[in-house]
Amino acid sequence: MSDSTSEDLLPTFWNPGIGKYHQAVRFPVTTPTRYLSYSVALNLRLPGEDTGDCQGDVPFVTPIDNPSTLKPAGPGGWSDTTPSLGCQGVRDMAHVIQGLYIPPGCGPVWVANHYRAIADYVLVDTQGCWCAEFPRHVPVRTINRWLFAPEHVEHLVEEYLKPLRNQLTPEEKKLHDAWLPTVVFG
């Protein structure tokens, strides 16, 4: 994926709470199939959601002298689960970040829900052949820090991780199938 240009970035919003030496990260223009995921998605919640990874502003702040741009998931991104999951679990969250990181009226900003963000991480690990012995992003203990109830883990496995198998190579399926039974609440 090529570096983003100013034409495909949303304007950033200066939030005095970020501090004098930092600014909001740059948000790329997103679609339901080219969306924000990973730690950014795990740190955004809708009212009533009780899953995720609460690190506050950490994923959304960058140094002024070396600003970074969020990398989307999807075709051309770090991972692409759209062949198996389509747009499942991707939602517009502009209303959550407007006035904090982007100006009001910008958007939509398509973001993975927590289950989809975990599935995106799993694909990165599986395609890197790490999943069976050396998980980098999604060992079960980490999933259990992001999902707080047995029904959350069951939903992840049934609705996201099992369908993910459909886009894997035979070697990746073998790794995924060996790892999947370890994904339990505990």
N, C-alpha and C. Protein backbone atom coordinates (compact mmCIF):
# COMPACT_ATOMS: atom_id res chain seq x y z
N MET A 1 0.84 -1.17 0.00
CA MET A 1 0.00 0.00 0.00
C MET A 1 0.88 1.23 0.00
N SER A 2 0.58 2.19 -0.83
CA SER A 2 1.39 3.40 -0.88
C SER A 2 1.05 4.32 0.27
N ASP A 3 1.96 5.24 0.53
CA ASP A 3 1.71 6.21 1.60
C ASP A 3 0.52 7.08 1.24
N SER A 4 -0.20 7.50 2.25
CA SER A 4 -1.37 8.34 2.04
C SER A 4 -0.94 9.74 1.63
N THR A 5 -1.73 10.35 0.80
CA THR A 5 -1.51 11.74 0.44
C THR A 5 -2.58 12.57 1.11
N SER A 6 -2.42 13.88 1.07
CA SER A 6 -3.37 14.74 1.76
C SER A 6 -4.78 14.57 1.23
N GLU A 7 -4.93 14.14 -0.04
CA GLU A 7 -6.28 13.98 -0.60
C GLU A 7 -7.06 12.83 0.03
N ASP A 8 -6.37 11.83 0.57
CA ASP A 8 -7.10 10.71 1.14
C ASP A 8 -6.99 10.64 2.67
N LEU A 9 -6.76 11.78 3.29
CA LEU A 9 -6.74 11.90 4.75
C LEU A 9 -7.86 12.83 5.20
N LEU A 10 -8.45 12.51 6.34
CA LEU A 10 -9.41 13.43 6.94
C LEU A 10 -8.63 14.55 7.64
N PRO A 11 -9.21 15.73 7.74
CA PRO A 11 -8.52 16.77 8.50
C PRO A 11 -8.43 16.39 9.97
N THR A 12 -7.34 16.76 10.61
CA THR A 12 -7.22 16.48 12.05
C THR A 12 -7.76 17.66 12.84
N PHE A 13 -8.05 17.38 14.08
CA PHE A 13 -8.63 18.36 14.98
C PHE A 13 -7.64 18.59 16.11
N TRP A 14 -7.31 19.83 16.39
CA TRP A 14 -6.40 20.09 17.49
C TRP A 14 -7.17 20.07 18.79
N ASN A 15 -6.83 19.16 19.65
CA ASN A 15 -7.47 18.99 20.94
C ASN A 15 -6.46 19.42 22.01
N PRO A 16 -6.74 20.50 22.75
CA PRO A 16 -5.76 20.97 23.73
C PRO A 16 -5.39 19.92 24.77
N GLY A 17 -6.23 18.93 25.00
CA GLY A 17 -5.93 17.88 25.96
C GLY A 17 -4.80 16.97 25.51
N ILE A 18 -4.48 16.98 24.23
CA ILE A 18 -3.42 16.14 23.70
C ILE A 18 -2.05 16.64 24.15
N GLY A 19 -1.92 17.93 24.34
CA GLY A 19 -0.66 18.49 24.80
C GLY A 19 0.06 19.29 23.73
N LYS A 20 1.10 19.93 24.15
CA LYS A 20 1.82 20.87 23.31
C LYS A 20 2.74 20.19 22.28
N TYR A 21 3.22 18.98 22.56
CA TYR A 21 4.16 18.31 21.67
C TYR A 21 3.54 17.18 20.86
N HIS A 22 2.24 17.04 20.96
CA HIS A 22 1.54 15.96 20.27
C HIS A 22 0.35 16.50 19.49
N GLN A 23 -0.13 15.69 18.58
CA GLN A 23 -1.33 16.01 17.82
C GLN A 23 -2.09 14.72 17.58
N ALA A 24 -3.30 14.85 17.05
CA ALA A 24 -4.07 13.67 16.69
C ALA A 24 -3.39 12.97 15.52
N VAL A 25 -3.43 11.65 15.51
CA VAL A 25 -2.91 10.91 14.35
C VAL A 25 -3.72 11.32 13.13
N ARG A 26 -3.18 11.06 11.97
CA ARG A 26 -3.90 11.35 10.74
C ARG A 26 -4.79 10.15 10.41
N PHE A 27 -6.04 10.42 10.15
CA PHE A 27 -7.02 9.39 9.82
C PHE A 27 -7.17 9.29 8.31
N PRO A 28 -7.01 8.09 7.75
CA PRO A 28 -7.26 7.94 6.31
C PRO A 28 -8.75 7.96 6.03
N VAL A 29 -9.10 8.28 4.80
CA VAL A 29 -10.49 8.13 4.36
C VAL A 29 -10.76 6.63 4.37
N THR A 30 -11.90 6.23 4.88
CA THR A 30 -12.23 4.81 5.03
C THR A 30 -13.51 4.47 4.29
N THR A 31 -13.71 3.18 4.09
CA THR A 31 -14.94 2.63 3.52
C THR A 31 -15.31 1.40 4.33
N PRO A 32 -16.46 0.80 4.10
CA PRO A 32 -16.79 -0.43 4.83
C PRO A 32 -15.83 -1.59 4.56
N THR A 33 -15.04 -1.53 3.47
CA THR A 33 -14.07 -2.59 3.21
C THR A 33 -12.63 -2.13 3.39
N ARG A 34 -12.39 -0.87 3.65
CA ARG A 34 -11.05 -0.32 3.95
C ARG A 34 -11.25 0.52 5.21
N TYR A 35 -10.99 -0.07 6.35
CA TYR A 35 -11.46 0.46 7.62
C TYR A 35 -10.33 0.44 8.65
N LEU A 36 -10.54 1.13 9.75
CA LEU A 36 -9.58 1.13 10.85
C LEU A 36 -9.79 -0.11 11.70
N SER A 37 -8.70 -0.67 12.18
CA SER A 37 -8.79 -1.89 12.96
C SER A 37 -7.67 -1.91 14.00
N TYR A 38 -7.34 -3.11 14.46
CA TYR A 38 -6.23 -3.36 15.38
C TYR A 38 -6.43 -2.58 16.69
N SER A 39 -5.37 -2.03 17.26
CA SER A 39 -5.47 -1.39 18.58
C SER A 39 -6.38 -0.17 18.55
N VAL A 40 -6.45 0.53 17.44
CA VAL A 40 -7.35 1.69 17.33
C VAL A 40 -8.79 1.24 17.54
N ALA A 41 -9.19 0.21 16.83
CA ALA A 41 -10.57 -0.28 16.95
C ALA A 41 -10.85 -0.83 18.34
N LEU A 42 -9.87 -1.50 18.92
CA LEU A 42 -10.07 -2.07 20.26
C LEU A 42 -10.19 -0.99 21.33
N ASN A 43 -9.80 0.24 21.02
CA ASN A 43 -9.89 1.34 21.96
C ASN A 43 -11.06 2.28 21.71
N LEU A 44 -11.94 1.94 20.82
CA LEU A 44 -13.16 2.72 20.59
C LEU A 44 -14.36 1.87 20.99
N ARG A 45 -15.25 2.46 21.75
CA ARG A 45 -16.46 1.75 22.19
C ARG A 45 -17.69 2.58 21.88
N LEU A 46 -18.75 1.88 21.59
CA LEU A 46 -20.06 2.51 21.54
C LEU A 46 -20.69 2.39 22.93
N PRO A 47 -21.63 3.26 23.27
CA PRO A 47 -22.29 3.14 24.56
C PRO A 47 -22.87 1.73 24.74
N GLY A 48 -22.65 1.16 25.90
CA GLY A 48 -23.16 -0.17 26.20
C GLY A 48 -22.21 -1.30 25.86
N GLU A 49 -21.15 -1.04 25.11
CA GLU A 49 -20.19 -2.09 24.81
C GLU A 49 -19.28 -2.32 26.01
N ASP A 50 -19.01 -3.59 26.29
CA ASP A 50 -18.17 -3.90 27.43
C ASP A 50 -16.99 -4.79 27.03
N THR A 51 -16.56 -4.65 25.79
CA THR A 51 -15.38 -5.36 25.32
C THR A 51 -14.34 -4.32 24.91
N GLY A 52 -13.13 -4.77 24.62
CA GLY A 52 -12.12 -3.85 24.10
C GLY A 52 -10.93 -3.67 25.01
N ASP A 53 -10.12 -2.69 24.64
CA ASP A 53 -8.84 -2.43 25.30
C ASP A 53 -8.79 -0.94 25.60
N CYS A 54 -8.97 -0.56 26.82
CA CYS A 54 -9.07 0.87 27.15
C CYS A 54 -7.70 1.45 27.46
N GLN A 55 -7.09 2.10 26.46
CA GLN A 55 -5.83 2.79 26.67
C GLN A 55 -6.00 4.29 26.46
N GLY A 56 -7.22 4.75 26.47
CA GLY A 56 -7.46 6.18 26.31
C GLY A 56 -6.99 6.71 24.97
N ASP A 57 -6.23 7.81 25.00
CA ASP A 57 -5.78 8.48 23.78
C ASP A 57 -4.57 7.84 23.12
N VAL A 58 -3.93 6.86 23.73
CA VAL A 58 -2.66 6.35 23.24
C VAL A 58 -2.66 6.06 21.74
N PRO A 59 -3.61 5.30 21.18
CA PRO A 59 -3.53 5.01 19.75
C PRO A 59 -3.86 6.20 18.84
N PHE A 60 -4.34 7.29 19.40
CA PHE A 60 -4.82 8.41 18.61
C PHE A 60 -3.92 9.63 18.66
N VAL A 61 -2.79 9.53 19.32
CA VAL A 61 -1.89 10.67 19.52
C VAL A 61 -0.54 10.36 18.88
N THR A 62 0.05 11.37 18.26
CA THR A 62 1.33 11.22 17.59
C THR A 62 2.18 12.47 17.85
N PRO A 63 3.50 12.34 17.84
CA PRO A 63 4.34 13.52 18.03
C PRO A 63 4.15 14.53 16.90
N ILE A 64 4.16 15.80 17.23
CA ILE A 64 4.00 16.85 16.23
C ILE A 64 5.14 16.80 15.22
N ASP A 65 6.35 16.54 15.68
CA ASP A 65 7.51 16.58 14.78
C ASP A 65 7.67 15.31 13.93
N ASN A 66 6.89 14.28 14.18
CA ASN A 66 6.95 13.05 13.38
C ASN A 66 5.56 12.41 13.35
N PRO A 67 4.57 13.07 12.73
CA PRO A 67 3.20 12.57 12.78
C PRO A 67 3.03 11.26 12.03
N SER A 68 2.15 10.43 12.55
CA SER A 68 1.86 9.16 11.89
C SER A 68 0.43 9.14 11.38
N THR A 69 0.20 8.24 10.46
CA THR A 69 -1.12 8.04 9.87
C THR A 69 -1.58 6.64 10.22
N LEU A 70 -2.83 6.49 10.60
CA LEU A 70 -3.38 5.18 10.89
C LEU A 70 -3.40 4.35 9.61
N LYS A 71 -3.06 3.08 9.72
CA LYS A 71 -3.06 2.18 8.58
C LYS A 71 -4.37 1.39 8.57
N PRO A 72 -5.10 1.42 7.48
CA PRO A 72 -6.37 0.69 7.44
C PRO A 72 -6.17 -0.80 7.21
N ALA A 73 -7.18 -1.56 7.56
CA ALA A 73 -7.27 -2.97 7.22
C ALA A 73 -8.12 -3.06 5.95
N GLY A 74 -8.08 -4.21 5.34
CA GLY A 74 -8.83 -4.41 4.11
C GLY A 74 -7.89 -4.55 2.93
N PRO A 75 -8.41 -4.53 1.71
CA PRO A 75 -7.54 -4.70 0.54
C PRO A 75 -6.39 -3.70 0.55
N GLY A 76 -5.17 -4.20 0.42
CA GLY A 76 -3.99 -3.36 0.43
C GLY A 76 -3.52 -2.97 1.81
N GLY A 77 -4.23 -3.39 2.86
CA GLY A 77 -3.85 -3.04 4.23
C GLY A 77 -2.96 -4.10 4.84
N TRP A 78 -2.75 -3.95 6.14
CA TRP A 78 -1.89 -4.88 6.88
C TRP A 78 -2.46 -6.29 6.83
N SER A 79 -3.77 -6.41 6.92
CA SER A 79 -4.46 -7.69 6.72
C SER A 79 -5.77 -7.41 6.02
N ASP A 80 -6.30 -8.42 5.38
CA ASP A 80 -7.56 -8.26 4.65
C ASP A 80 -8.46 -9.45 4.92
N THR A 81 -9.39 -9.28 5.83
CA THR A 81 -10.34 -10.34 6.16
C THR A 81 -11.63 -10.22 5.35
N THR A 82 -11.69 -9.26 4.42
CA THR A 82 -12.93 -9.09 3.64
C THR A 82 -13.28 -10.30 2.78
N PRO A 83 -12.33 -11.12 2.28
CA PRO A 83 -12.74 -12.29 1.52
C PRO A 83 -13.62 -13.27 2.32
N SER A 84 -13.40 -13.36 3.62
CA SER A 84 -14.20 -14.29 4.43
C SER A 84 -15.27 -13.59 5.26
N LEU A 85 -15.05 -12.33 5.64
CA LEU A 85 -15.99 -11.67 6.54
C LEU A 85 -16.77 -10.53 5.89
N GLY A 86 -16.41 -10.14 4.68
CA GLY A 86 -17.11 -9.02 4.04
C GLY A 86 -17.01 -7.77 4.88
N CYS A 87 -18.14 -7.14 5.15
CA CYS A 87 -18.19 -5.92 5.97
C CYS A 87 -18.69 -6.20 7.39
N GLN A 88 -18.79 -7.48 7.74
CA GLN A 88 -19.29 -7.86 9.07
C GLN A 88 -18.48 -7.19 10.17
N GLY A 89 -19.16 -6.54 11.09
CA GLY A 89 -18.51 -5.94 12.24
C GLY A 89 -17.82 -4.62 11.96
N VAL A 90 -18.01 -4.04 10.80
CA VAL A 90 -17.42 -2.74 10.48
C VAL A 90 -18.52 -1.71 10.58
N ARG A 91 -18.28 -0.64 11.35
CA ARG A 91 -19.33 0.35 11.59
C ARG A 91 -18.75 1.76 11.54
N ASP A 92 -19.60 2.72 11.25
CA ASP A 92 -19.20 4.13 11.20
C ASP A 92 -19.11 4.65 12.63
N MET A 93 -17.93 5.13 13.01
CA MET A 93 -17.74 5.64 14.37
C MET A 93 -17.30 7.10 14.36
N ALA A 94 -17.62 7.81 13.29
CA ALA A 94 -17.24 9.23 13.21
C ALA A 94 -17.79 9.99 14.41
N HIS A 95 -19.01 9.69 14.81
CA HIS A 95 -19.63 10.43 15.92
C HIS A 95 -18.87 10.26 17.24
N VAL A 96 -18.09 9.18 17.36
CA VAL A 96 -17.32 8.95 18.59
C VAL A 96 -16.03 9.76 18.60
N ILE A 97 -15.42 9.96 17.43
CA ILE A 97 -14.12 10.63 17.39
C ILE A 97 -14.18 12.09 16.94
N GLN A 98 -15.35 12.52 16.42
CA GLN A 98 -15.47 13.92 16.00
C GLN A 98 -15.37 14.83 17.22
N GLY A 99 -14.64 15.92 17.04
CA GLY A 99 -14.44 16.87 18.13
C GLY A 99 -13.31 16.49 19.07
N LEU A 100 -12.84 15.25 18.96
CA LEU A 100 -11.67 14.80 19.73
C LEU A 100 -10.44 14.73 18.84
N TYR A 101 -10.60 14.09 17.68
CA TYR A 101 -9.47 13.85 16.79
C TYR A 101 -9.68 14.37 15.37
N ILE A 102 -10.93 14.45 14.93
CA ILE A 102 -11.26 15.03 13.64
C ILE A 102 -12.34 16.08 13.86
N PRO A 103 -12.41 17.09 12.98
CA PRO A 103 -13.44 18.13 13.16
C PRO A 103 -14.85 17.57 12.98
N PRO A 104 -15.82 18.20 13.62
CA PRO A 104 -17.21 17.80 13.40
C PRO A 104 -17.56 17.88 11.91
N GLY A 105 -18.39 16.95 11.47
CA GLY A 105 -18.81 16.92 10.08
C GLY A 105 -17.93 16.09 9.17
N CYS A 106 -16.81 15.60 9.67
CA CYS A 106 -15.95 14.74 8.87
C CYS A 106 -16.46 13.31 8.98
N GLY A 107 -16.18 12.56 8.00
CA GLY A 107 -16.54 11.15 8.07
C GLY A 107 -17.34 10.77 6.87
N PRO A 108 -17.82 9.58 6.85
CA PRO A 108 -17.80 8.59 7.92
C PRO A 108 -16.38 8.08 8.20
N VAL A 109 -16.23 7.47 9.38
CA VAL A 109 -14.98 6.80 9.73
C VAL A 109 -15.36 5.35 10.06
N TRP A 110 -15.04 4.47 9.14
CA TRP A 110 -15.39 3.06 9.29
C TRP A 110 -14.34 2.36 10.15
N VAL A 111 -14.83 1.68 11.19
CA VAL A 111 -13.95 1.07 12.19
C VAL A 111 -14.47 -0.34 12.49
N ALA A 112 -13.55 -1.28 12.66
CA ALA A 112 -13.91 -2.64 13.04
C ALA A 112 -14.46 -2.66 14.46
N ASN A 113 -15.44 -3.53 14.71
CA ASN A 113 -15.82 -3.75 16.10
C ASN A 113 -14.71 -4.59 16.74
N HIS A 114 -14.82 -4.87 18.01
CA HIS A 114 -13.74 -5.55 18.72
C HIS A 114 -13.50 -6.96 18.20
N TYR A 115 -14.55 -7.65 17.83
CA TYR A 115 -14.41 -9.00 17.31
C TYR A 115 -13.68 -8.99 15.96
N ARG A 116 -14.06 -8.05 15.10
CA ARG A 116 -13.42 -7.96 13.78
C ARG A 116 -11.95 -7.56 13.93
N ALA A 117 -11.65 -6.65 14.85
CA ALA A 117 -10.26 -6.25 15.07
C ALA A 117 -9.42 -7.45 15.52
N ILE A 118 -9.97 -8.29 16.37
CA ILE A 118 -9.25 -9.49 16.80
C ILE A 118 -9.05 -10.43 15.60
N ALA A 119 -10.08 -10.60 14.79
CA ALA A 119 -9.96 -11.45 13.60
C ALA A 119 -8.88 -10.90 12.66
N ASP A 120 -8.79 -9.58 12.53
CA ASP A 120 -7.75 -8.99 11.68
C ASP A 120 -6.37 -9.32 12.24
N TYR A 121 -6.19 -9.21 13.55
CA TYR A 121 -4.92 -9.59 14.16
C TYR A 121 -4.62 -11.08 13.95
N VAL A 122 -5.65 -11.92 14.09
CA VAL A 122 -5.46 -13.36 13.90
C VAL A 122 -4.97 -13.66 12.49
N LEU A 123 -5.52 -12.97 11.49
CA LEU A 123 -5.08 -13.20 10.13
C LEU A 123 -3.60 -12.81 9.96
N VAL A 124 -3.20 -11.70 10.54
CA VAL A 124 -1.79 -11.30 10.49
C VAL A 124 -0.92 -12.41 11.07
N ASP A 125 -1.29 -12.91 12.23
CA ASP A 125 -0.51 -13.96 12.88
C ASP A 125 -0.51 -15.26 12.08
N THR A 126 -1.66 -15.65 11.57
CA THR A 126 -1.77 -16.91 10.82
C THR A 126 -0.97 -16.84 9.53
N GLN A 127 -1.09 -15.75 8.81
CA GLN A 127 -0.37 -15.64 7.55
C GLN A 127 1.13 -15.47 7.79
N GLY A 128 1.50 -15.04 8.97
CA GLY A 128 2.91 -14.98 9.33
C GLY A 128 3.39 -16.29 9.93
N CYS A 129 2.50 -17.30 9.97
CA CYS A 129 2.79 -18.63 10.52
C CYS A 129 3.23 -18.57 11.97
N TRP A 130 2.69 -17.65 12.73
CA TRP A 130 3.03 -17.51 14.14
C TRP A 130 2.00 -18.16 15.05
N CYS A 131 0.82 -18.31 14.57
CA CYS A 131 -0.32 -18.65 15.41
C CYS A 131 -0.16 -19.92 16.23
N ALA A 132 0.40 -20.98 15.68
CA ALA A 132 0.43 -22.25 16.40
C ALA A 132 1.38 -22.25 17.59
N GLU A 133 2.58 -21.70 17.42
CA GLU A 133 3.55 -21.78 18.50
C GLU A 133 3.93 -20.45 19.12
N PHE A 134 3.94 -19.39 18.34
CA PHE A 134 4.44 -18.11 18.83
C PHE A 134 3.49 -16.97 18.49
N PRO A 135 2.32 -16.94 19.07
CA PRO A 135 1.38 -15.86 18.73
C PRO A 135 1.94 -14.50 19.13
N ARG A 136 1.88 -13.55 18.24
CA ARG A 136 2.43 -12.22 18.50
C ARG A 136 1.38 -11.27 19.05
N HIS A 137 0.21 -11.26 18.47
CA HIS A 137 -0.81 -10.28 18.85
C HIS A 137 -1.99 -10.89 19.59
N VAL A 138 -2.28 -12.12 19.32
CA VAL A 138 -3.52 -12.67 19.85
C VAL A 138 -3.39 -13.99 20.61
N PRO A 139 -2.46 -14.07 21.55
CA PRO A 139 -2.53 -15.26 22.40
C PRO A 139 -3.84 -15.22 23.19
N VAL A 140 -4.28 -16.38 23.61
CA VAL A 140 -5.57 -16.47 24.30
C VAL A 140 -5.61 -15.55 25.52
N ARG A 141 -4.51 -15.42 26.24
CA ARG A 141 -4.52 -14.54 27.42
C ARG A 141 -4.83 -13.09 27.01
N THR A 142 -4.39 -12.68 25.82
CA THR A 142 -4.70 -11.32 25.35
C THR A 142 -6.16 -11.21 24.95
N ILE A 143 -6.68 -12.20 24.26
CA ILE A 143 -8.10 -12.19 23.89
C ILE A 143 -8.95 -12.08 25.15
N ASN A 144 -8.54 -12.76 26.21
CA ASN A 144 -9.30 -12.71 27.46
C ASN A 144 -9.17 -11.36 28.18
N ARG A 145 -8.21 -10.53 27.79
CA ARG A 145 -8.15 -9.16 28.31
C ARG A 145 -9.08 -8.24 27.52
N TRP A 146 -9.41 -8.63 26.29
CA TRP A 146 -10.28 -7.82 25.44
C TRP A 146 -11.74 -8.24 25.50
N LEU A 147 -12.00 -9.50 25.80
CA LEU A 147 -13.36 -10.03 25.87
C LEU A 147 -13.59 -10.55 27.27
N PHE A 148 -14.65 -10.07 27.91
CA PHE A 148 -14.79 -10.26 29.35
C PHE A 148 -15.83 -11.28 29.79
N ALA A 149 -16.33 -12.09 28.86
CA ALA A 149 -17.34 -13.08 29.23
C ALA A 149 -17.27 -14.27 28.28
N PRO A 150 -17.67 -15.43 28.74
CA PRO A 150 -17.64 -16.62 27.87
C PRO A 150 -18.42 -16.42 26.57
N GLU A 151 -19.55 -15.72 26.65
CA GLU A 151 -20.35 -15.52 25.42
C GLU A 151 -19.64 -14.61 24.42
N HIS A 152 -18.79 -13.71 24.89
CA HIS A 152 -18.00 -12.88 23.98
C HIS A 152 -17.02 -13.75 23.19
N VAL A 153 -16.32 -14.64 23.89
CA VAL A 153 -15.34 -15.50 23.24
C VAL A 153 -16.05 -16.45 22.28
N GLU A 154 -17.19 -16.99 22.69
CA GLU A 154 -17.95 -17.88 21.81
C GLU A 154 -18.38 -17.15 20.54
N HIS A 155 -18.85 -15.91 20.69
CA HIS A 155 -19.25 -15.10 19.53
C HIS A 155 -18.05 -14.88 18.60
N LEU A 156 -16.90 -14.54 19.16
CA LEU A 156 -15.69 -14.35 18.36
C LEU A 156 -15.37 -15.60 17.56
N VAL A 157 -15.35 -16.74 18.22
CA VAL A 157 -14.99 -17.99 17.55
C VAL A 157 -15.99 -18.35 16.46
N GLU A 158 -17.28 -18.33 16.79
CA GLU A 158 -18.31 -18.79 15.85
C GLU A 158 -18.53 -17.83 14.68
N GLU A 159 -18.56 -16.54 14.97
CA GLU A 159 -18.94 -15.56 13.95
C GLU A 159 -17.77 -14.95 13.19
N TYR A 160 -16.57 -15.04 13.73
CA TYR A 160 -15.42 -14.38 13.10
C TYR A 160 -14.26 -15.34 12.81
N LEU A 161 -13.84 -16.13 13.79
CA LEU A 161 -12.66 -16.96 13.60
C LEU A 161 -12.91 -18.20 12.76
N LYS A 162 -14.05 -18.85 12.93
CA LYS A 162 -14.34 -20.01 12.08
C LYS A 162 -14.54 -19.58 10.62
N PRO A 163 -15.31 -18.53 10.32
CA PRO A 163 -15.42 -18.11 8.92
C PRO A 163 -14.09 -17.64 8.31
N LEU A 164 -13.19 -17.11 9.12
CA LEU A 164 -11.89 -16.66 8.63
C LEU A 164 -11.14 -17.80 7.94
N ARG A 165 -11.39 -18.99 8.38
CA ARG A 165 -10.74 -20.19 7.83
C ARG A 165 -10.94 -20.30 6.32
N ASN A 166 -12.08 -19.79 5.82
CA ASN A 166 -12.43 -19.92 4.39
C ASN A 166 -11.44 -19.23 3.45
N GLN A 167 -10.65 -18.31 3.94
CA GLN A 167 -9.72 -17.61 3.05
C GLN A 167 -8.27 -18.03 3.25
N LEU A 168 -8.04 -19.04 4.05
CA LEU A 168 -6.68 -19.46 4.35
C LEU A 168 -6.19 -20.54 3.39
N THR A 169 -4.87 -20.58 3.18
CA THR A 169 -4.25 -21.64 2.40
C THR A 169 -4.30 -22.93 3.22
N PRO A 170 -4.05 -24.09 2.61
CA PRO A 170 -4.04 -25.33 3.39
C PRO A 170 -3.06 -25.30 4.57
N GLU A 171 -1.87 -24.74 4.37
CA GLU A 171 -0.90 -24.66 5.47
C GLU A 171 -1.42 -23.74 6.58
N GLU A 172 -2.00 -22.60 6.20
CA GLU A 172 -2.55 -21.66 7.18
C GLU A 172 -3.74 -22.28 7.91
N LYS A 173 -4.58 -23.03 7.20
CA LYS A 173 -5.71 -23.71 7.83
C LYS A 173 -5.23 -24.66 8.92
N LYS A 174 -4.14 -25.37 8.63
CA LYS A 174 -3.59 -26.31 9.61
C LYS A 174 -3.17 -25.57 10.88
N LEU A 175 -2.47 -24.45 10.73
CA LEU A 175 -2.08 -23.63 11.89
C LEU A 175 -3.30 -23.09 12.63
N HIS A 176 -4.25 -22.57 11.86
CA HIS A 176 -5.47 -21.99 12.44
C HIS A 176 -6.26 -23.05 13.20
N ASP A 177 -6.42 -24.22 12.58
CA ASP A 177 -7.19 -25.30 13.21
C ASP A 177 -6.51 -25.81 14.48
N ALA A 178 -5.19 -25.80 14.53
CA ALA A 178 -4.47 -26.21 15.74
C ALA A 178 -4.63 -25.19 16.85
N TRP A 179 -4.72 -23.91 16.49
CA TRP A 179 -4.81 -22.84 17.47
C TRP A 179 -6.24 -22.61 17.95
N LEU A 180 -7.21 -22.74 17.06
CA LEU A 180 -8.60 -22.38 17.38
C LEU A 180 -9.16 -23.03 18.64
N PRO A 181 -8.92 -24.31 18.93
CA PRO A 181 -9.46 -24.91 20.16
C PRO A 181 -8.90 -24.28 21.45
N THR A 182 -7.80 -23.55 21.34
CA THR A 182 -7.23 -22.90 22.54
C THR A 182 -7.95 -21.60 22.87
N VAL A 183 -8.79 -21.13 21.96
CA VAL A 183 -9.49 -19.85 22.18
C VAL A 183 -10.73 -20.12 23.03
N VAL A 184 -10.54 -20.05 24.32
CA VAL A 184 -11.61 -20.27 25.29
C VAL A 184 -11.53 -19.17 26.34
N PHE A 185 -12.65 -18.94 26.98
CA PHE A 185 -12.68 -17.94 28.05
C PHE A 185 -12.01 -18.52 29.30
N GLY A 186 -11.19 -17.72 29.92
CA GLY A 186 -10.58 -18.24 31.13
C GLY A 186 -9.65 -17.36 31.81
